[in-house]
N, C-alpha and C. Protein backbone atom coordinates (compact mmCIF):
# COMPACT_ATOMS: atom_id res chain seq x y z
N MET A 1 9.39 -20.94 -44.35
CA MET A 1 9.46 -19.59 -44.83
C MET A 1 9.80 -18.69 -43.64
N VAL A 2 10.70 -17.76 -43.84
CA VAL A 2 11.11 -16.85 -42.79
C VAL A 2 10.65 -15.45 -43.13
N ASP A 3 9.97 -14.81 -42.20
CA ASP A 3 9.54 -13.44 -42.35
C ASP A 3 10.67 -12.59 -41.78
N LYS A 4 11.43 -11.95 -42.64
CA LYS A 4 12.61 -11.21 -42.20
C LYS A 4 12.24 -10.02 -41.34
N GLU A 5 11.08 -9.41 -41.57
CA GLU A 5 10.67 -8.27 -40.75
C GLU A 5 10.36 -8.71 -39.32
N GLN A 6 9.73 -9.83 -39.19
CA GLN A 6 9.33 -10.31 -37.87
C GLN A 6 10.41 -11.20 -37.24
N GLY A 7 11.28 -11.76 -38.05
CA GLY A 7 12.29 -12.68 -37.54
C GLY A 7 11.71 -14.00 -37.10
N ALA A 8 10.51 -14.32 -37.55
CA ALA A 8 9.85 -15.55 -37.14
C ALA A 8 9.83 -16.52 -38.31
N ARG A 9 9.86 -17.77 -37.97
CA ARG A 9 9.80 -18.82 -38.99
C ARG A 9 8.42 -19.45 -38.95
N GLN A 10 7.78 -19.51 -40.10
CA GLN A 10 6.47 -20.13 -40.19
C GLN A 10 6.64 -21.50 -40.82
N LEU A 11 6.09 -22.48 -40.19
CA LEU A 11 6.15 -23.84 -40.73
C LEU A 11 4.77 -24.24 -41.22
N THR A 12 4.72 -24.82 -42.37
CA THR A 12 3.47 -25.34 -42.90
C THR A 12 3.38 -26.80 -42.49
N PRO A 13 2.37 -27.17 -41.70
CA PRO A 13 2.28 -28.57 -41.26
C PRO A 13 2.00 -29.50 -42.43
N ARG A 14 2.60 -30.67 -42.37
CA ARG A 14 2.33 -31.68 -43.39
C ARG A 14 0.92 -32.22 -43.16
N SER A 15 0.33 -32.71 -44.21
CA SER A 15 -1.06 -33.17 -44.11
C SER A 15 -1.20 -34.42 -43.25
N ASP A 16 -0.12 -35.16 -43.01
CA ASP A 16 -0.23 -36.37 -42.20
C ASP A 16 0.06 -36.11 -40.72
N GLN A 17 0.28 -34.86 -40.35
CA GLN A 17 0.59 -34.53 -38.96
C GLN A 17 -0.69 -34.19 -38.19
N PRO A 18 -0.67 -34.45 -36.87
CA PRO A 18 -1.82 -34.06 -36.05
C PRO A 18 -1.96 -32.55 -36.00
N ARG A 19 -3.14 -32.11 -35.68
CA ARG A 19 -3.42 -30.68 -35.55
C ARG A 19 -3.89 -30.44 -34.13
N GLN A 20 -3.45 -29.35 -33.53
CA GLN A 20 -3.75 -29.08 -32.13
C GLN A 20 -4.19 -27.64 -31.95
N VAL A 21 -5.08 -27.44 -30.96
CA VAL A 21 -5.52 -26.11 -30.57
C VAL A 21 -5.63 -26.08 -29.05
N VAL A 22 -5.30 -24.94 -28.46
CA VAL A 22 -5.44 -24.75 -27.03
C VAL A 22 -6.65 -23.85 -26.81
N LEU A 23 -7.55 -24.28 -25.92
CA LEU A 23 -8.79 -23.55 -25.67
C LEU A 23 -8.95 -23.25 -24.19
N ALA A 24 -9.69 -22.21 -23.90
CA ALA A 24 -9.99 -21.85 -22.52
C ALA A 24 -10.97 -22.85 -21.92
N GLY A 25 -10.84 -23.11 -20.64
CA GLY A 25 -11.73 -24.04 -19.95
C GLY A 25 -13.07 -23.41 -19.63
N LYS A 26 -13.78 -22.95 -20.64
CA LYS A 26 -15.09 -22.33 -20.44
C LYS A 26 -16.08 -22.92 -21.44
N PRO A 27 -17.37 -22.89 -21.14
CA PRO A 27 -18.37 -23.55 -21.97
C PRO A 27 -18.34 -23.15 -23.46
N GLN A 28 -18.03 -21.92 -23.78
CA GLN A 28 -18.00 -21.48 -25.18
C GLN A 28 -16.96 -22.24 -26.00
N SER A 29 -15.97 -22.79 -25.34
CA SER A 29 -14.91 -23.52 -26.05
C SER A 29 -15.42 -24.81 -26.69
N ALA A 30 -16.51 -25.36 -26.20
CA ALA A 30 -17.06 -26.58 -26.79
C ALA A 30 -17.48 -26.32 -28.23
N HIS A 31 -18.09 -25.17 -28.49
CA HIS A 31 -18.48 -24.80 -29.85
C HIS A 31 -17.25 -24.66 -30.74
N GLU A 32 -16.23 -23.98 -30.24
CA GLU A 32 -14.99 -23.80 -31.00
C GLU A 32 -14.36 -25.16 -31.33
N ALA A 33 -14.38 -26.06 -30.37
CA ALA A 33 -13.80 -27.39 -30.56
C ALA A 33 -14.56 -28.17 -31.64
N ARG A 34 -15.88 -28.09 -31.63
CA ARG A 34 -16.67 -28.80 -32.65
C ARG A 34 -16.37 -28.25 -34.04
N GLU A 35 -16.30 -26.93 -34.16
CA GLU A 35 -15.99 -26.31 -35.45
C GLU A 35 -14.59 -26.72 -35.92
N PHE A 36 -13.64 -26.70 -35.01
CA PHE A 36 -12.27 -27.09 -35.31
C PHE A 36 -12.22 -28.53 -35.82
N ALA A 37 -12.91 -29.44 -35.12
CA ALA A 37 -12.91 -30.85 -35.49
C ALA A 37 -13.54 -31.06 -36.87
N ARG A 38 -14.69 -30.44 -37.10
CA ARG A 38 -15.37 -30.59 -38.40
C ARG A 38 -14.47 -30.09 -39.54
N GLU A 39 -13.91 -28.91 -39.37
CA GLU A 39 -13.06 -28.33 -40.41
C GLU A 39 -11.82 -29.19 -40.65
N TYR A 40 -11.20 -29.66 -39.58
CA TYR A 40 -9.99 -30.47 -39.70
C TYR A 40 -10.26 -31.76 -40.48
N VAL A 41 -11.30 -32.49 -40.09
CA VAL A 41 -11.58 -33.77 -40.73
C VAL A 41 -11.99 -33.57 -42.19
N MET A 42 -12.77 -32.55 -42.46
CA MET A 42 -13.22 -32.32 -43.84
C MET A 42 -12.04 -31.92 -44.74
N GLN A 43 -11.04 -31.24 -44.19
CA GLN A 43 -9.85 -30.90 -44.96
C GLN A 43 -8.98 -32.12 -45.20
N ARG A 44 -8.81 -32.94 -44.16
CA ARG A 44 -7.89 -34.08 -44.25
C ARG A 44 -8.50 -35.29 -44.94
N GLU A 45 -9.81 -35.43 -44.83
CA GLU A 45 -10.52 -36.58 -45.42
C GLU A 45 -11.69 -36.05 -46.24
N PRO A 46 -11.40 -35.41 -47.38
CA PRO A 46 -12.47 -34.75 -48.14
C PRO A 46 -13.59 -35.68 -48.60
N GLY A 47 -13.34 -36.96 -48.75
CA GLY A 47 -14.37 -37.89 -49.19
C GLY A 47 -15.07 -38.60 -48.05
N ALA A 48 -14.83 -38.16 -46.82
CA ALA A 48 -15.40 -38.84 -45.65
C ALA A 48 -16.92 -38.73 -45.64
N ALA A 49 -17.56 -39.80 -45.21
CA ALA A 49 -19.01 -39.81 -45.10
C ALA A 49 -19.46 -38.81 -44.03
N GLU A 50 -20.63 -38.23 -44.25
CA GLU A 50 -21.16 -37.23 -43.32
C GLU A 50 -21.34 -37.79 -41.91
N ASP A 51 -21.81 -39.04 -41.81
CA ASP A 51 -22.02 -39.61 -40.47
C ASP A 51 -20.70 -39.84 -39.75
N TYR A 52 -19.63 -40.13 -40.47
CA TYR A 52 -18.30 -40.27 -39.87
C TYR A 52 -17.84 -38.92 -39.29
N VAL A 53 -17.99 -37.86 -40.07
CA VAL A 53 -17.61 -36.53 -39.61
C VAL A 53 -18.47 -36.13 -38.41
N ASP A 54 -19.77 -36.39 -38.49
CA ASP A 54 -20.66 -36.07 -37.37
C ASP A 54 -20.28 -36.83 -36.10
N THR A 55 -19.87 -38.08 -36.25
CA THR A 55 -19.45 -38.88 -35.10
C THR A 55 -18.20 -38.28 -34.47
N ILE A 56 -17.25 -37.87 -35.28
CA ILE A 56 -16.03 -37.24 -34.75
C ILE A 56 -16.38 -35.96 -34.01
N VAL A 57 -17.27 -35.18 -34.57
CA VAL A 57 -17.67 -33.93 -33.92
C VAL A 57 -18.37 -34.22 -32.59
N LEU A 58 -19.23 -35.22 -32.55
CA LEU A 58 -19.91 -35.58 -31.31
C LEU A 58 -18.93 -36.09 -30.26
N VAL A 59 -18.00 -36.95 -30.66
CA VAL A 59 -16.99 -37.47 -29.74
C VAL A 59 -16.13 -36.32 -29.21
N THR A 60 -15.73 -35.42 -30.10
CA THR A 60 -14.97 -34.24 -29.67
C THR A 60 -15.75 -33.44 -28.66
N SER A 61 -17.02 -33.22 -28.93
CA SER A 61 -17.87 -32.44 -28.03
C SER A 61 -17.95 -33.09 -26.65
N GLU A 62 -18.12 -34.40 -26.61
CA GLU A 62 -18.22 -35.09 -25.32
C GLU A 62 -16.92 -35.00 -24.54
N LEU A 63 -15.79 -35.23 -25.20
CA LEU A 63 -14.50 -35.16 -24.51
C LEU A 63 -14.22 -33.75 -24.01
N VAL A 64 -14.48 -32.77 -24.85
CA VAL A 64 -14.23 -31.37 -24.47
C VAL A 64 -15.15 -30.94 -23.35
N THR A 65 -16.42 -31.28 -23.44
CA THR A 65 -17.37 -30.89 -22.39
C THR A 65 -16.96 -31.49 -21.05
N ASN A 66 -16.55 -32.76 -21.05
CA ASN A 66 -16.08 -33.38 -19.81
C ASN A 66 -14.85 -32.66 -19.27
N SER A 67 -13.96 -32.28 -20.16
CA SER A 67 -12.75 -31.57 -19.73
C SER A 67 -13.10 -30.22 -19.12
N ILE A 68 -14.01 -29.52 -19.75
CA ILE A 68 -14.43 -28.21 -19.23
C ILE A 68 -15.09 -28.36 -17.86
N ARG A 69 -15.99 -29.33 -17.72
CA ARG A 69 -16.73 -29.50 -16.47
C ARG A 69 -15.89 -30.06 -15.34
N TYR A 70 -15.07 -31.06 -15.65
CA TYR A 70 -14.40 -31.81 -14.58
C TYR A 70 -12.87 -31.72 -14.62
N GLY A 71 -12.29 -31.19 -15.68
CA GLY A 71 -10.84 -31.21 -15.82
C GLY A 71 -10.18 -29.85 -15.81
N THR A 72 -10.95 -28.80 -15.60
CA THR A 72 -10.36 -27.46 -15.54
C THR A 72 -10.98 -26.68 -14.40
N GLU A 73 -10.22 -25.73 -13.94
CA GLU A 73 -10.67 -24.76 -12.94
C GLU A 73 -10.75 -23.41 -13.65
N PRO A 74 -11.41 -22.42 -13.05
CA PRO A 74 -11.45 -21.10 -13.69
C PRO A 74 -10.04 -20.60 -14.04
N GLY A 75 -9.87 -20.16 -15.26
CA GLY A 75 -8.58 -19.66 -15.73
C GLY A 75 -7.72 -20.72 -16.40
N ASP A 76 -8.09 -22.01 -16.28
CA ASP A 76 -7.31 -23.08 -16.92
C ASP A 76 -7.62 -23.15 -18.40
N SER A 77 -6.73 -23.82 -19.11
CA SER A 77 -6.98 -24.13 -20.51
C SER A 77 -6.76 -25.63 -20.71
N PHE A 78 -7.13 -26.12 -21.88
CA PHE A 78 -6.92 -27.52 -22.23
C PHE A 78 -6.54 -27.56 -23.71
N SER A 79 -6.00 -28.68 -24.14
CA SER A 79 -5.65 -28.79 -25.56
C SER A 79 -6.49 -29.88 -26.22
N LEU A 80 -6.79 -29.63 -27.46
CA LEU A 80 -7.50 -30.58 -28.31
C LEU A 80 -6.56 -30.91 -29.46
N ARG A 81 -6.32 -32.18 -29.67
CA ARG A 81 -5.41 -32.63 -30.72
C ARG A 81 -6.14 -33.67 -31.56
N LEU A 82 -6.07 -33.52 -32.86
CA LEU A 82 -6.73 -34.44 -33.78
C LEU A 82 -5.72 -34.99 -34.78
N HIS A 83 -5.91 -36.23 -35.13
CA HIS A 83 -5.11 -36.83 -36.19
C HIS A 83 -6.02 -37.78 -36.96
N THR A 84 -6.10 -37.57 -38.26
CA THR A 84 -6.94 -38.45 -39.07
C THR A 84 -6.14 -38.95 -40.26
N ARG A 85 -6.38 -40.20 -40.58
CA ARG A 85 -5.70 -40.81 -41.73
C ARG A 85 -6.44 -42.07 -42.13
N HIS A 86 -6.77 -42.15 -43.39
CA HIS A 86 -7.37 -43.35 -43.97
C HIS A 86 -8.60 -43.85 -43.19
N GLY A 87 -9.51 -42.94 -42.87
CA GLY A 87 -10.75 -43.34 -42.22
C GLY A 87 -10.63 -43.67 -40.75
N ARG A 88 -9.59 -43.21 -40.12
CA ARG A 88 -9.40 -43.42 -38.68
C ARG A 88 -8.98 -42.08 -38.08
N THR A 89 -9.74 -41.61 -37.09
CA THR A 89 -9.44 -40.33 -36.46
C THR A 89 -9.24 -40.52 -34.97
N ARG A 90 -8.18 -39.94 -34.48
CA ARG A 90 -7.89 -39.95 -33.04
C ARG A 90 -8.11 -38.53 -32.51
N VAL A 91 -8.90 -38.44 -31.45
CA VAL A 91 -9.21 -37.18 -30.78
C VAL A 91 -8.59 -37.28 -29.40
N GLU A 92 -7.79 -36.28 -29.03
CA GLU A 92 -7.16 -36.26 -27.72
C GLU A 92 -7.46 -34.93 -27.04
N VAL A 93 -7.88 -35.00 -25.78
CA VAL A 93 -8.12 -33.79 -24.99
C VAL A 93 -7.25 -33.91 -23.74
N ARG A 94 -6.36 -32.95 -23.59
CA ARG A 94 -5.46 -32.94 -22.43
C ARG A 94 -5.82 -31.78 -21.52
N ASP A 95 -6.04 -32.10 -20.25
CA ASP A 95 -6.36 -31.05 -19.27
C ASP A 95 -5.48 -31.21 -18.04
N PRO A 96 -5.49 -30.21 -17.14
CA PRO A 96 -4.56 -30.21 -16.01
C PRO A 96 -4.99 -31.02 -14.79
N VAL A 97 -6.12 -31.69 -14.82
CA VAL A 97 -6.59 -32.44 -13.65
C VAL A 97 -6.34 -33.93 -13.87
N ARG A 98 -5.73 -34.59 -12.89
CA ARG A 98 -5.39 -36.01 -13.03
C ARG A 98 -6.58 -36.94 -12.80
N ARG A 99 -7.65 -36.44 -12.20
CA ARG A 99 -8.82 -37.28 -11.93
C ARG A 99 -9.36 -37.84 -13.23
N ARG A 100 -9.57 -39.14 -13.26
CA ARG A 100 -10.03 -39.82 -14.47
C ARG A 100 -11.55 -39.79 -14.57
N PRO A 101 -12.06 -39.78 -15.81
CA PRO A 101 -13.52 -39.81 -15.99
C PRO A 101 -14.11 -41.09 -15.40
N GLN A 102 -15.25 -40.95 -14.76
CA GLN A 102 -15.95 -42.09 -14.16
C GLN A 102 -17.39 -42.12 -14.65
N PRO A 103 -17.85 -43.27 -15.13
CA PRO A 103 -19.27 -43.36 -15.51
C PRO A 103 -20.15 -43.13 -14.29
N ARG A 104 -21.26 -42.47 -14.52
CA ARG A 104 -22.22 -42.20 -13.43
C ARG A 104 -23.43 -43.10 -13.61
N PRO A 105 -24.07 -43.46 -12.51
CA PRO A 105 -25.29 -44.26 -12.63
C PRO A 105 -26.36 -43.46 -13.38
N GLU A 106 -27.17 -44.20 -14.12
CA GLU A 106 -28.26 -43.53 -14.85
C GLU A 106 -29.24 -42.90 -13.89
N SER A 107 -29.72 -41.73 -14.27
CA SER A 107 -30.69 -41.03 -13.45
C SER A 107 -31.64 -40.28 -14.36
N PRO A 108 -32.95 -40.61 -14.31
CA PRO A 108 -33.90 -39.92 -15.18
C PRO A 108 -34.04 -38.43 -14.83
N GLY A 109 -33.67 -38.03 -13.61
CA GLY A 109 -33.81 -36.65 -13.20
C GLY A 109 -32.62 -35.77 -13.57
N ARG A 110 -31.57 -36.37 -14.08
CA ARG A 110 -30.37 -35.61 -14.40
C ARG A 110 -30.25 -35.50 -15.92
N ASP A 111 -29.98 -34.29 -16.41
CA ASP A 111 -29.90 -34.10 -17.86
C ASP A 111 -28.47 -34.21 -18.38
N ARG A 112 -27.56 -34.66 -17.55
CA ARG A 112 -26.19 -34.87 -18.01
C ARG A 112 -25.62 -36.10 -17.33
N GLY A 113 -24.39 -36.47 -17.70
CA GLY A 113 -23.78 -37.65 -17.10
C GLY A 113 -23.83 -38.87 -18.01
N ARG A 114 -24.22 -38.66 -19.26
CA ARG A 114 -24.32 -39.78 -20.20
C ARG A 114 -23.18 -39.79 -21.22
N GLY A 115 -22.25 -38.87 -21.10
CA GLY A 115 -21.19 -38.71 -22.09
C GLY A 115 -20.35 -39.95 -22.30
N LEU A 116 -19.96 -40.61 -21.22
CA LEU A 116 -19.13 -41.81 -21.36
C LEU A 116 -19.91 -42.96 -21.98
N LEU A 117 -21.20 -43.02 -21.71
CA LEU A 117 -22.04 -44.04 -22.36
C LEU A 117 -22.11 -43.78 -23.87
N ILE A 118 -22.20 -42.52 -24.25
CA ILE A 118 -22.20 -42.16 -25.66
C ILE A 118 -20.88 -42.58 -26.29
N LEU A 119 -19.77 -42.27 -25.62
CA LEU A 119 -18.46 -42.66 -26.16
C LEU A 119 -18.36 -44.17 -26.32
N ASP A 120 -18.84 -44.92 -25.34
CA ASP A 120 -18.80 -46.38 -25.42
C ASP A 120 -19.50 -46.90 -26.67
N GLY A 121 -20.57 -46.23 -27.08
CA GLY A 121 -21.32 -46.67 -28.25
C GLY A 121 -20.74 -46.22 -29.58
N LEU A 122 -19.87 -45.23 -29.56
CA LEU A 122 -19.37 -44.65 -30.81
C LEU A 122 -17.92 -44.97 -31.15
N CYS A 123 -17.10 -45.28 -30.14
CA CYS A 123 -15.68 -45.38 -30.40
C CYS A 123 -14.97 -46.19 -29.33
N HIS A 124 -13.69 -46.33 -29.54
CA HIS A 124 -12.80 -46.90 -28.53
C HIS A 124 -12.14 -45.72 -27.85
N TRP A 125 -12.10 -45.70 -26.51
CA TRP A 125 -11.53 -44.54 -25.82
C TRP A 125 -10.79 -44.98 -24.57
N GLY A 126 -9.96 -44.07 -24.06
CA GLY A 126 -9.19 -44.37 -22.86
C GLY A 126 -8.58 -43.11 -22.28
N VAL A 127 -7.78 -43.31 -21.24
CA VAL A 127 -7.15 -42.19 -20.52
C VAL A 127 -5.69 -42.53 -20.30
N ASP A 128 -4.82 -41.55 -20.56
CA ASP A 128 -3.39 -41.69 -20.28
C ASP A 128 -2.98 -40.58 -19.32
N ASP A 129 -2.12 -40.92 -18.38
CA ASP A 129 -1.57 -39.89 -17.50
C ASP A 129 -0.64 -39.01 -18.31
N ALA A 130 -0.61 -37.74 -17.96
CA ALA A 130 0.30 -36.77 -18.58
C ALA A 130 1.13 -36.15 -17.48
N ALA A 131 2.19 -35.46 -17.86
CA ALA A 131 3.08 -34.84 -16.87
C ALA A 131 2.30 -33.95 -15.90
N PHE A 132 1.41 -33.15 -16.42
CA PHE A 132 0.58 -32.28 -15.59
C PHE A 132 -0.88 -32.49 -15.99
N GLY A 133 -1.49 -33.54 -15.49
CA GLY A 133 -2.88 -33.80 -15.81
C GLY A 133 -3.08 -35.15 -16.47
N LYS A 134 -3.95 -35.15 -17.46
CA LYS A 134 -4.28 -36.39 -18.16
C LYS A 134 -4.66 -36.09 -19.60
N THR A 135 -4.64 -37.13 -20.42
CA THR A 135 -5.13 -37.04 -21.79
C THR A 135 -6.22 -38.09 -21.96
N VAL A 136 -7.40 -37.64 -22.31
CA VAL A 136 -8.50 -38.56 -22.63
C VAL A 136 -8.55 -38.61 -24.15
N TRP A 137 -8.53 -39.82 -24.69
CA TRP A 137 -8.47 -39.98 -26.13
C TRP A 137 -9.59 -40.89 -26.61
N ALA A 138 -9.90 -40.76 -27.88
CA ALA A 138 -10.91 -41.61 -28.52
C ALA A 138 -10.48 -41.84 -29.96
N GLU A 139 -10.78 -43.03 -30.47
CA GLU A 139 -10.51 -43.35 -31.87
C GLU A 139 -11.81 -43.71 -32.55
N VAL A 140 -12.08 -43.00 -33.63
CA VAL A 140 -13.28 -43.22 -34.42
C VAL A 140 -12.84 -43.81 -35.76
N ILE A 141 -13.47 -44.90 -36.16
CA ILE A 141 -13.13 -45.56 -37.42
C ILE A 141 -14.33 -45.46 -38.35
N GLU A 142 -14.07 -45.04 -39.58
CA GLU A 142 -15.15 -44.92 -40.57
C GLU A 142 -15.63 -46.32 -40.94
N LYS A 143 -16.94 -46.47 -40.99
CA LYS A 143 -17.52 -47.79 -41.30
C LYS A 143 -17.98 -47.86 -42.72
């Protein structure tokens, strides 16, 4: 559809296409990312089990939080891309830092650093190099 007043073309994404959002590299973006993921999956997979949706939201939260903490500098942004189809959802977070996530040793005195362990228990995940940075991805399969 073309808006003749604005001269812009609006495209309606097909339901089988991934959905992407660009967010600021600040802590408040984690909440926005979780809301985005929940809404996206519930629209694309209306019959999905609640625990499947919750798992996707948790995986999204972990990837985004890691990106905010370790993959962005003040003023940077990152992208969150989701694609779901037939009970399989891929979550991708792309940020401008090439340093790859590293598991940290367990420490009872530290209240963070368990994100990669959580991912290991919930999904299959990995890291791909990008032109400017990296993409950390995870695949969640409905059980």
